[in-house]
Amino acid sequence: MVQIKFRGTYMRAKFPKTVITATATGLAVAVAGPLAAQAAVSSTVSSTVSSTVSSKVSSTVSVPCSATTLATDITGAASGETLQLAPGCTYVLTSALPSISTDLTLRGYSSTLERSLTGSPPDFSLLEVTSGVSVTISGVNFRNGDAAIYGGGIYNDGGSVTVDGGTFYGNTTGEYGGAIYNEGALSVTGSTFTDNTAPGYYGGAIYNDYDATISRSTFTDNSAEYGGAVDSEYNTVLASSVFSRNSATEYGGGLYVDDDGVTTVSTSSFRSNTAEYGG
């Protein structure tokens, strides 16, 4: 990782990214005997493998209201699997969940991931996504995440993350992205961000350092030094969203835009946001 001293702290340098996806589809089978027998065996094996793969990809696992079981199911998830969270359940976390390292869907029905409010749990992101995987998060709330550096709610470290709905409330970070830190591909639709913070640093709700699309979302009472609600350091598309009562101690009460990449804003409203420069 390369870092540059900037604004009294360290900022990460951007370089072009290359994503390499390798898919193994071949199956070599050595069978002794006549050619017809080999063909029959090969056909059976191929059919069995295809059926097994299809079953894994389309499978849905119901996760009971248990943080321990959720952690186990994330660790053991097959690529393409869906984890269906218990409706209305609050999964109280006393330590970080395992990083998501395979393509996965988390489907919640007003389910909540919450860092424990009891005692003194360590600092951690509620959900971390590793490089090269695709993760969809639907109808899941994130509360009280507290990361040392990146993303109190979600830390996307080079993956492709889609967030549909859900509320991000009271998440914080030591530096970048109180609710979400993105360094991959991020799509956020129909989500609510309230009271998230990056005190003294960047992006009270979202810090984007690569490609992000944010639409039909609401940002209220978020705060940071730069970008009370959103800090756009690279390619960000904002549409049909509302920013109100967000604050920054320095620049960009609602939105702070760096000079890298392109930021586009359309059909959005900014109301009662405050900052030293650019409320």
C-alpha atoms as a PDB file:
ATOM      1  CA  MET A   1       0.000   0.000   0.000  1.00  0.00           C
ATOM      2  CA  VAL A   2       1.295   3.444  -0.955  1.00  0.00           C
ATOM      3  CA  GLN A   3       0.422   6.429   1.195  1.00  0.00           C
ATOM      4  CA  ILE A   4       0.926  10.142   0.674  1.00  0.00           C
ATOM      5  CA  LYS A   5       1.109  12.693   3.457  1.00  0.00           C
ATOM      6  CA  PHE A   6      -1.773  15.100   2.797  1.00  0.00           C
ATOM      7  CA  ARG A   7      -3.909  17.473   4.859  1.00  0.00           C
ATOM      8  CA  GLY A   8      -2.012  16.530   8.002  1.00  0.00           C
ATOM      9  CA  THR A   9      -2.718  12.791   7.609  1.00  0.00           C
ATOM     10  CA  TYR A  10      -2.108   9.986   5.144  1.00  0.00           C
ATOM     11  CA  MET A  11      -4.018   9.530   1.917  1.00  0.00           C
ATOM     12  CA  ARG A  12      -3.657   6.491  -0.275  1.00  0.00           C
ATOM     13  CA  ALA A  13      -2.308   6.986  -3.781  1.00  0.00           C
ATOM     14  CA  LYS A  14      -4.527   5.797  -6.646  1.00  0.00           C
ATOM     15  CA  PHE A  15      -3.260   3.519  -9.379  1.00  0.00           C
ATOM     16  CA  PRO A  16      -5.120   1.883 -12.282  1.00  0.00           C
ATOM     17  CA  LYS A  17      -6.676  -1.357 -11.137  1.00  0.00           C
ATOM     18  CA  THR A  18      -6.763  -4.595 -13.025  1.00  0.00           C
ATOM     19  CA  VAL A  19      -9.320  -7.195 -12.091  1.00  0.00           C
ATOM     20  CA  ILE A  20      -8.500 -10.715 -13.181  1.00  0.00           C
ATOM     21  CA  THR A  21     -11.170 -13.404 -13.012  1.00  0.00           C
ATOM     22  CA  ALA A  22     -10.184 -17.000 -13.627  1.00  0.00           C
ATOM     23  CA  THR A  23     -12.940 -19.568 -14.189  1.00  0.00           C
ATOM     24  CA  ALA A  24     -12.176 -23.263 -14.283  1.00  0.00           C
ATOM     25  CA  THR A  25     -14.737 -25.128 -16.399  1.00  0.00           C
ATOM     26  CA  GLY A  26     -12.783 -28.144 -17.563  1.00  0.00           C
ATOM     27  CA  LEU A  27     -12.909 -31.578 -15.952  1.00  0.00           C
ATOM     28  CA  ALA A  28     -10.355 -34.252 -16.879  1.00  0.00           C
ATOM     29  CA  VAL A  29     -11.451 -37.850 -16.262  1.00  0.00           C
ATOM     30  CA  ALA A  30      -9.329 -40.884 -17.080  1.00  0.00           C
ATOM     31  CA  VAL A  31     -11.367 -44.060 -17.503  1.00  0.00           C
ATOM     32  CA  ALA A  32     -10.031 -47.412 -18.639  1.00  0.00           C
ATOM     33  CA  GLY A  33     -12.172 -49.415 -21.036  1.00  0.00           C
ATOM     34  CA  PRO A  34     -14.002 -49.069 -24.363  1.00  0.00           C
ATOM     35  CA  LEU A  35     -14.694 -45.656 -25.807  1.00  0.00           C
ATOM     36  CA  ALA A  36     -18.435 -46.060 -25.352  1.00  0.00           C
ATOM     37  CA  ALA A  37     -17.991 -46.744 -21.662  1.00  0.00           C
ATOM     38  CA  GLN A  38     -15.728 -43.731 -21.323  1.00  0.00           C
ATOM     39  CA  ALA A  39     -18.316 -41.527 -23.026  1.00  0.00           C
ATOM     40  CA  ALA A  40     -21.068 -42.809 -20.753  1.00  0.00           C
ATOM     41  CA  VAL A  41     -18.995 -42.246 -17.628  1.00  0.00           C
ATOM     42  CA  SER A  42     -17.947 -38.790 -18.834  1.00  0.00           C
ATOM     43  CA  SER A  43     -21.565 -37.855 -19.518  1.00  0.00           C
ATOM     44  CA  THR A  44     -22.645 -39.051 -16.078  1.00  0.00           C
ATOM     45  CA  VAL A  45     -19.802 -37.239 -14.326  1.00  0.00           C
ATOM     46  CA  SER A  46     -20.489 -34.045 -16.288  1.00  0.00           C
ATOM     47  CA  SER A  47     -24.182 -34.208 -15.473  1.00  0.00           C
ATOM     48  CA  THR A  48     -23.468 -34.806 -11.776  1.00  0.00           C
ATOM     49  CA  VAL A  49     -20.940 -31.968 -11.570  1.00  0.00           C
ATOM     50  CA  SER A  50     -23.268 -29.605 -13.419  1.00  0.00           C
ATOM     51  CA  SER A  51     -26.148 -30.494 -11.111  1.00  0.00           C
ATOM     52  CA  THR A  52     -23.983 -30.036  -8.016  1.00  0.00           C
ATOM     53  CA  VAL A  53     -22.606 -26.667  -9.147  1.00  0.00           C
ATOM     54  CA  SER A  54     -26.086 -25.465 -10.095  1.00  0.00           C
ATOM     55  CA  SER A  55     -27.405 -26.540  -6.708  1.00  0.00           C
ATOM     56  CA  LYS A  56     -24.657 -24.635  -4.870  1.00  0.00           C
ATOM     57  CA  VAL A  57     -25.031 -21.485  -6.929  1.00  0.00           C
ATOM     58  CA  SER A  58     -28.793 -21.266  -6.456  1.00  0.00           C
ATOM     59  CA  SER A  59     -28.942 -22.381  -2.833  1.00  0.00           C
ATOM     60  CA  THR A  60     -30.405 -20.272  -0.053  1.00  0.00           C
ATOM     61  CA  VAL A  61     -29.438 -20.743   3.575  1.00  0.00           C
ATOM     62  CA  SER A  62     -31.726 -19.481   6.330  1.00  0.00           C
ATOM     63  CA  VAL A  63     -29.644 -18.015   9.137  1.00  0.00           C
ATOM     64  CA  PRO A  64     -31.273 -18.107  12.599  1.00  0.00           C
ATOM     65  CA  CYS A  65     -31.027 -15.118  14.935  1.00  0.00           C
ATOM     66  CA  SER A  66     -27.517 -15.966  16.112  1.00  0.00           C
ATOM     67  CA  ALA A  67     -24.346 -13.974  15.438  1.00  0.00           C
ATOM     68  CA  THR A  68     -22.267 -17.130  15.910  1.00  0.00           C
ATOM     69  CA  THR A  69     -24.251 -19.019  13.274  1.00  0.00           C
ATOM     70  CA  LEU A  70     -24.048 -16.062  10.896  1.00  0.00           C
ATOM     71  CA  ALA A  71     -20.256 -16.043  11.216  1.00  0.00           C
ATOM     72  CA  THR A  72     -20.139 -19.796  10.546  1.00  0.00           C
ATOM     73  CA  ASP A  73     -22.407 -19.495   7.512  1.00  0.00           C
ATOM     74  CA  ILE A  74     -20.302 -16.683   6.022  1.00  0.00           C
ATOM     75  CA  THR A  75     -17.154 -18.772   6.437  1.00  0.00           C
ATOM     76  CA  GLY A  76     -18.722 -21.845   4.839  1.00  0.00           C
ATOM     77  CA  ALA A  77     -20.686 -20.125   2.076  1.00  0.00           C
ATOM     78  CA  ALA A  78     -20.381 -21.467  -1.458  1.00  0.00           C
ATOM     79  CA  SER A  79     -19.916 -19.043  -4.323  1.00  0.00           C
ATOM     80  CA  GLY A  80     -23.267 -17.605  -5.407  1.00  0.00           C
ATOM     81  CA  GLU A  81     -25.069 -18.617  -2.229  1.00  0.00           C
ATOM     82  CA  THR A  82     -27.753 -16.495  -0.526  1.00  0.00           C
ATOM     83  CA  LEU A  83     -27.822 -16.093   3.236  1.00  0.00           C
ATOM     84  CA  GLN A  84     -31.349 -15.221   4.298  1.00  0.00           C
ATOM     85  CA  LEU A  85     -31.266 -13.446   7.654  1.00  0.00           C
ATOM     86  CA  ALA A  86     -33.989 -13.864  10.260  1.00  0.00           C
ATOM     87  CA  PRO A  87     -36.705 -11.199   9.802  1.00  0.00           C
ATOM     88  CA  GLY A  88     -36.390  -8.366  12.304  1.00  0.00           C
ATOM     89  CA  CYS A  89     -33.424  -9.997  14.059  1.00  0.00           C
ATOM     90  CA  THR A  90     -30.593  -7.927  15.516  1.00  0.00           C
ATOM     91  CA  TYR A  91     -27.329  -9.834  15.183  1.00  0.00           C
ATOM     92  CA  VAL A  92     -25.301  -8.433  18.080  1.00  0.00           C
ATOM     93  CA  LEU A  93     -21.588  -8.686  17.325  1.00  0.00           C
ATOM     94  CA  THR A  94     -18.922  -8.659  20.014  1.00  0.00           C
ATOM     95  CA  SER A  95     -16.175  -9.192  17.410  1.00  0.00           C
ATOM     96  CA  ALA A  96     -15.786  -8.834  13.658  1.00  0.00           C
ATOM     97  CA  LEU A  97     -17.562 -11.192  11.287  1.00  0.00           C
ATOM     98  CA  PRO A  98     -15.327 -13.198   8.915  1.00  0.00           C
ATOM     99  CA  SER A  99     -14.398 -11.295   5.760  1.00  0.00           C
ATOM    100  CA  ILE A 100     -16.560 -12.182   2.764  1.00  0.00           C
ATOM    101  CA  SER A 101     -14.251 -13.809   0.233  1.00  0.00           C
ATOM    102  CA  THR A 102     -16.724 -15.401  -2.190  1.00  0.00           C
ATOM    103  CA  ASP A 103     -19.669 -14.157  -4.264  1.00  0.00           C
ATOM    104  CA  LEU A 104     -22.556 -13.867  -1.809  1.00  0.00           C
ATOM    105  CA  THR A 105     -25.989 -12.347  -1.232  1.00  0.00           C
ATOM    106  CA  LEU A 106     -27.140 -11.228   2.214  1.00  0.00           C
ATOM    107  CA  ARG A 107     -30.899 -10.860   2.245  1.00  0.00           C
ATOM    108  CA  GLY A 108     -32.458  -9.277   5.296  1.00  0.00           C
ATOM    109  CA  TYR A 109     -36.006  -8.426   6.222  1.00  0.00           C
ATOM    110  CA  SER A 110     -35.316  -5.428   8.461  1.00  0.00           C
ATOM    111  CA  SER A 111     -32.504  -7.483   9.969  1.00  0.00           C
ATOM    112  CA  THR A 112     -29.711  -5.562  11.698  1.00  0.00           C
ATOM    113  CA  LEU A 113     -25.987  -6.070  12.134  1.00  0.00           C
ATOM    114  CA  GLU A 114     -24.996  -4.266  15.322  1.00  0.00           C
ATOM    115  CA  ARG A 115     -21.713  -3.934  17.148  1.00  0.00           C
ATOM    116  CA  SER A 116     -22.462  -4.651  20.794  1.00  0.00           C
ATOM    117  CA  LEU A 117     -23.369  -1.687  22.970  1.00  0.00           C
ATOM    118  CA  THR A 118     -22.452  -3.606  26.101  1.00  0.00           C
ATOM    119  CA  GLY A 119     -19.017  -3.380  27.699  1.00  0.00           C
ATOM    120  CA  SER A 120     -16.040  -2.351  25.574  1.00  0.00           C
ATOM    121  CA  PRO A 121     -16.011  -4.418  22.367  1.00  0.00           C
ATOM    122  CA  PRO A 122     -13.023  -3.870  20.033  1.00  0.00           C
ATOM    123  CA  ASP A 123     -13.198  -1.577  17.004  1.00  0.00           C
ATOM    124  CA  PHE A 124     -14.243  -3.347  13.802  1.00  0.00           C
ATOM    125  CA  SER A 125     -16.191  -2.919  10.564  1.00  0.00           C
ATOM    126  CA  LEU A 126     -19.518  -4.719  10.675  1.00  0.00           C
ATOM    127  CA  LEU A 127     -18.889  -6.269   7.259  1.00  0.00           C
ATOM    128  CA  GLU A 128     -15.715  -6.546   5.193  1.00  0.00           C
ATOM    129  CA  VAL A 129     -15.607  -7.540   1.513  1.00  0.00           C
ATOM    130  CA  THR A 130     -12.342  -8.716   0.004  1.00  0.00           C
ATOM    131  CA  SER A 131     -10.991  -8.007  -3.474  1.00  0.00           C
ATOM    132  CA  GLY A 132     -12.481  -9.606  -6.571  1.00  0.00           C
ATOM    133  CA  VAL A 133     -15.806 -10.845  -5.154  1.00  0.00           C
ATOM    134  CA  SER A 134     -19.360  -9.697  -5.792  1.00  0.00           C
ATOM    135  CA  VAL A 135     -21.626  -9.114  -2.795  1.00  0.00           C
ATOM    136  CA  THR A 136     -25.268  -8.008  -2.737  1.00  0.00           C
ATOM    137  CA  ILE A 137     -26.790  -6.728   0.518  1.00  0.00           C
ATOM    138  CA  SER A 138     -30.546  -6.247   0.542  1.00  0.00           C
ATOM    139  CA  GLY A 139     -32.717  -4.975   3.389  1.00  0.00           C
ATOM    140  CA  VAL A 140     -30.013  -5.103   6.056  1.00  0.00           C
ATOM    141  CA  ASN A 141     -29.440  -2.373   8.653  1.00  0.00           C
ATOM    142  CA  PHE A 142     -25.979  -1.471  10.019  1.00  0.00           C
ATOM    143  CA  ARG A 143     -25.675   0.047  13.482  1.00  0.00           C
ATOM    144  CA  ASN A 144     -22.862   1.132  15.795  1.00  0.00           C
ATOM    145  CA  GLY A 145     -19.995  -0.082  13.632  1.00  0.00           C
ATOM    146  CA  ASP A 146     -16.683   1.395  14.780  1.00  0.00           C
ATOM    147  CA  ALA A 147     -13.665   0.844  12.544  1.00  0.00           C
ATOM    148  CA  ALA A 148     -10.141   1.924  13.372  1.00  0.00           C
ATOM    149  CA  ILE A 149      -9.511   3.233   9.832  1.00  0.00           C
ATOM    150  CA  TYR A 150     -11.900   2.101   7.064  1.00  0.00           C
ATOM    151  CA  GLY A 151     -15.706   1.867   7.015  1.00  0.00           C
ATOM    152  CA  GLY A 152     -17.551   1.458  10.289  1.00  0.00           C
ATOM    153  CA  GLY A 153     -20.473  -0.295   8.571  1.00  0.00           C
ATOM    154  CA  ILE A 154     -19.004  -1.753   5.368  1.00  0.00           C
ATOM    155  CA  TYR A 155     -15.379  -1.909   4.272  1.00  0.00           C
ATOM    156  CA  ASN A 156     -15.190  -2.746   0.563  1.00  0.00           C
ATOM    157  CA  ASP A 157     -11.565  -3.603  -0.116  1.00  0.00           C
ATOM    158  CA  GLY A 158     -11.683  -3.981  -3.910  1.00  0.00           C
ATOM    159  CA  GLY A 159     -14.832  -6.039  -4.383  1.00  0.00           C
ATOM    160  CA  SER A 160     -18.129  -5.224  -6.089  1.00  0.00           C
ATOM    161  CA  VAL A 161     -20.779  -4.315  -3.518  1.00  0.00           C
ATOM    162  CA  THR A 162     -24.459  -3.630  -4.135  1.00  0.00           C
ATOM    163  CA  VAL A 163     -26.519  -2.199  -1.273  1.00  0.00           C
ATOM    164  CA  ASP A 164     -30.287  -2.135  -1.696  1.00  0.00           C
ATOM    165  CA  GLY A 165     -32.241  -0.455   1.097  1.00  0.00           C
ATOM    166  CA  GLY A 166     -31.383  -0.623   4.775  1.00  0.00           C
ATOM    167  CA  THR A 167     -30.462   2.018   7.328  1.00  0.00           C
ATOM    168  CA  PHE A 168     -26.942   2.959   8.430  1.00  0.00           C
ATOM    169  CA  TYR A 169     -27.144   4.516  11.877  1.00  0.00           C
ATOM    170  CA  GLY A 170     -24.519   5.603  14.385  1.00  0.00           C
ATOM    171  CA  ASN A 171     -21.521   4.086  12.624  1.00  0.00           C
ATOM    172  CA  THR A 172     -18.100   5.685  12.921  1.00  0.00           C
ATOM    173  CA  THR A 173     -14.518   5.326  11.743  1.00  0.00           C
ATOM    174  CA  GLY A 174     -11.104   6.504  12.801  1.00  0.00           C
ATOM    175  CA  GLU A 175     -10.424   7.939   9.345  1.00  0.00           C
ATOM    176  CA  TYR A 176     -12.410   7.047   6.191  1.00  0.00           C
ATOM    177  CA  GLY A 177     -16.150   6.451   5.739  1.00  0.00           C
ATOM    178  CA  GLY A 178     -18.228   6.357   8.907  1.00  0.00           C
ATOM    179  CA  ALA A 179     -20.798   4.023   7.319  1.00  0.00           C
ATOM    180  CA  ILE A 180     -19.120   2.814   4.088  1.00  0.00           C
ATOM    181  CA  TYR A 181     -15.593   2.885   2.737  1.00  0.00           C
ATOM    182  CA  ASN A 182     -15.349   1.944  -0.927  1.00  0.00           C
ATOM    183  CA  GLU A 183     -12.265   1.041  -2.904  1.00  0.00           C
ATOM    184  CA  GLY A 184     -13.937  -1.081  -5.568  1.00  0.00           C
ATOM    185  CA  ALA A 185     -17.340  -0.926  -7.249  1.00  0.00           C
ATOM    186  CA  LEU A 186     -20.210   0.316  -5.104  1.00  0.00           C
ATOM    187  CA  SER A 187     -23.908   0.729  -5.827  1.00  0.00           C
ATOM    188  CA  VAL A 188     -26.221   2.123  -3.153  1.00  0.00           C
ATOM    189  CA  THR A 189     -29.965   2.416  -3.806  1.00  0.00           C
ATOM    190  CA  GLY A 190     -32.771   3.446  -1.470  1.00  0.00           C
ATOM    191  CA  SER A 191     -30.683   3.530   1.717  1.00  0.00           C
ATOM    192  CA  THR A 192     -30.812   5.884   4.714  1.00  0.00           C
ATOM    193  CA  PHE A 193     -27.703   7.261   6.456  1.00  0.00           C
ATOM    194  CA  THR A 194     -28.171   8.940   9.831  1.00  0.00           C
ATOM    195  CA  ASP A 195     -25.721  10.064  12.544  1.00  0.00           C
ATOM    196  CA  ASN A 196     -22.666   8.431  11.006  1.00  0.00           C
ATOM    197  CA  THR A 197     -19.319  10.084  11.683  1.00  0.00           C
ATOM    198  CA  ALA A 198     -15.687  10.304  10.691  1.00  0.00           C
ATOM    199  CA  PRO A 199     -14.583  12.779  13.362  1.00  0.00           C
ATOM    200  CA  GLY A 200     -11.640  14.819  12.174  1.00  0.00           C
ATOM    201  CA  TYR A 201     -11.388  12.912   8.883  1.00  0.00           C
ATOM    202  CA  TYR A 202     -13.221  12.013   5.666  1.00  0.00           C
ATOM    203  CA  GLY A 203     -16.761  11.013   4.681  1.00  0.00           C
ATOM    204  CA  GLY A 204     -19.155  10.913   7.617  1.00  0.00           C
ATOM    205  CA  ALA A 205     -21.435   8.476   5.769  1.00  0.00           C
ATOM    206  CA  ILE A 206     -19.565   7.362   2.618  1.00  0.00           C
ATOM    207  CA  TYR A 207     -15.975   7.717   1.490  1.00  0.00           C
ATOM    208  CA  ASN A 208     -15.557   6.705  -2.153  1.00  0.00           C
ATOM    209  CA  ASP A 209     -12.090   6.022  -3.489  1.00  0.00           C
ATOM    210  CA  TYR A 210     -12.995   4.291  -6.772  1.00  0.00           C
ATOM    211  CA  ASP A 211     -16.365   3.879  -8.576  1.00  0.00           C
ATOM    212  CA  ALA A 212     -19.678   4.513  -6.817  1.00  0.00           C
ATOM    213  CA  THR A 213     -23.287   5.067  -7.804  1.00  0.00           C
ATOM    214  CA  ILE A 214     -25.639   6.392  -5.123  1.00  0.00           C
ATOM    215  CA  SER A 215     -29.331   6.901  -5.835  1.00  0.00           C
ATOM    216  CA  ARG A 216     -32.637   7.465  -4.039  1.00  0.00           C
ATOM    217  CA  SER A 217     -30.861   7.672  -0.694  1.00  0.00           C
ATOM    218  CA  THR A 218     -31.156  10.033   2.265  1.00  0.00           C
ATOM    219  CA  PHE A 219     -28.299  11.522   4.322  1.00  0.00           C
ATOM    220  CA  THR A 220     -29.166  13.246   7.596  1.00  0.00           C
ATOM    221  CA  ASP A 221     -27.040  14.478  10.526  1.00  0.00           C
ATOM    222  CA  ASN A 222     -23.804  12.874   9.379  1.00  0.00           C
ATOM    223  CA  SER A 223     -20.484  14.606  10.154  1.00  0.00           C
ATOM    224  CA  ALA A 224     -16.778  14.648   9.325  1.00  0.00           C
ATOM    225  CA  GLU A 225     -13.927  17.071   8.699  1.00  0.00           C
ATOM    226  CA  TYR A 226     -14.207  16.704   4.896  1.00  0.00           C
ATOM    227  CA  GLY A 227     -17.547  15.613   3.423  1.00  0.00           C
ATOM    228  CA  GLY A 228     -20.031  15.526   6.263  1.00  0.00           C
ATOM    229  CA  ALA A 229     -22.151  13.037   4.328  1.00  0.00           C
ATOM    230  CA  VAL A 230     -20.097  11.977   1.279  1.00  0.00           C
ATOM    231  CA  ASP A 231     -16.430  12.401   0.394  1.00  0.00           C
ATOM    232  CA  SER A 232     -15.927  11.754  -3.330  1.00  0.00           C
ATOM    233  CA  GLU A 233     -12.286  11.104  -4.103  1.00  0.00           C
ATOM    234  CA  TYR A 234     -12.895   9.447  -7.462  1.00  0.00           C
ATOM    235  CA  ASN A 235     -15.789   8.538  -9.809  1.00  0.00           C
ATOM    236  CA  THR A 236     -19.087   9.145  -8.016  1.00  0.00           C
ATOM    237  CA  VAL A 237     -22.573   9.394  -9.516  1.00  0.00           C
ATOM    238  CA  LEU A 238     -25.239  10.865  -7.212  1.00  0.00           C
ATOM    239  CA  ALA A 239     -28.877  10.896  -8.236  1.00  0.00           C
ATOM    240  CA  SER A 240     -32.289  11.518  -6.677  1.00  0.00           C
ATOM    241  CA  SER A 241     -30.922  11.792  -3.137  1.00  0.00           C
ATOM    242  CA  VAL A 242     -31.492  14.150  -0.211  1.00  0.00           C
ATOM    243  CA  PHE A 243     -28.784  15.706   1.997  1.00  0.00           C
ATOM    244  CA  SER A 244     -29.949  17.528   5.113  1.00  0.00           C
ATOM    245  CA  ARG A 245     -28.319  18.808   8.326  1.00  0.00           C
ATOM    246  CA  ASN A 246     -24.955  17.206   7.574  1.00  0.00           C
ATOM    247  CA  SER A 247     -21.857  19.025   8.784  1.00  0.00           C
ATOM    248  CA  ALA A 248     -18.126  19.286   8.166  1.00  0.00           C
ATOM    249  CA  THR A 249     -15.640  21.140  10.327  1.00  0.00           C
ATOM    250  CA  GLU A 250     -13.682  22.098   7.205  1.00  0.00           C
ATOM    251  CA  TYR A 251     -14.986  21.412   3.665  1.00  0.00           C
ATOM    252  CA  GLY A 252     -18.271  20.181   2.200  1.00  0.00           C
ATOM    253  CA  GLY A 253     -21.059  19.865   4.727  1.00  0.00           C
ATOM    254  CA  GLY A 254     -23.130  17.637   2.456  1.00  0.00           C
ATOM    255  CA  LEU A 255     -20.619  16.648  -0.228  1.00  0.00           C
ATOM    256  CA  TYR A 256     -16.871  17.109  -0.631  1.00  0.00           C
ATOM    257  CA  VAL A 257     -15.410  16.529  -4.110  1.00  0.00           C
ATOM    258  CA  ASP A 258     -11.704  15.962  -4.632  1.00  0.00           C
ATOM    259  CA  ASP A 259     -10.110  16.769  -7.996  1.00  0.00           C
ATOM    260  CA  ASP A 260      -9.609  13.143  -9.066  1.00  0.00           C
ATOM    261  CA  GLY A 261     -12.068  11.337 -11.340  1.00  0.00           C
ATOM    262  CA  VAL A 262     -15.524  12.680 -12.156  1.00  0.00           C
ATOM    263  CA  THR A 263     -18.411  13.411  -9.788  1.00  0.00           C
ATOM    264  CA  THR A 264     -21.912  13.874 -11.212  1.00  0.00           C
ATOM    265  CA  VAL A 265     -24.910  15.112  -9.216  1.00  0.00           C
ATOM    266  CA  SER A 266     -28.464  15.134 -10.557  1.00  0.00           C
ATOM    267  CA  THR A 267     -32.012  15.642  -9.217  1.00  0.00           C
ATOM    268  CA  SER A 268     -30.777  15.824  -5.619  1.00  0.00           C
ATOM    269  CA  SER A 269     -31.391  18.337  -2.845  1.00  0.00           C
ATOM    270  CA  PHE A 270     -29.060  19.857  -0.237  1.00  0.00           C
ATOM    271  CA  ARG A 271     -30.727  21.492   2.761  1.00  0.00           C
ATOM    272  CA  SER A 272     -29.302  23.030   5.935  1.00  0.00           C
ATOM    273  CA  ASN A 273     -25.849  21.486   5.584  1.00  0.00           C
ATOM    274  CA  THR A 274     -22.962  23.372   7.216  1.00  0.00           C
ATOM    275  CA  ALA A 275     -19.199  23.653   6.921  1.00  0.00           C
ATOM    276  CA  GLU A 276     -16.377  26.155   7.252  1.00  0.00           C
ATOM    277  CA  TYR A 277     -16.135  26.090   3.438  1.00  0.00           C
ATOM    278  CA  GLY A 278     -18.949  24.871   1.194  1.00  0.00           C
ATOM    279  CA  GLY A 279     -21.846  23.985   3.449  1.00  0.00           C
END
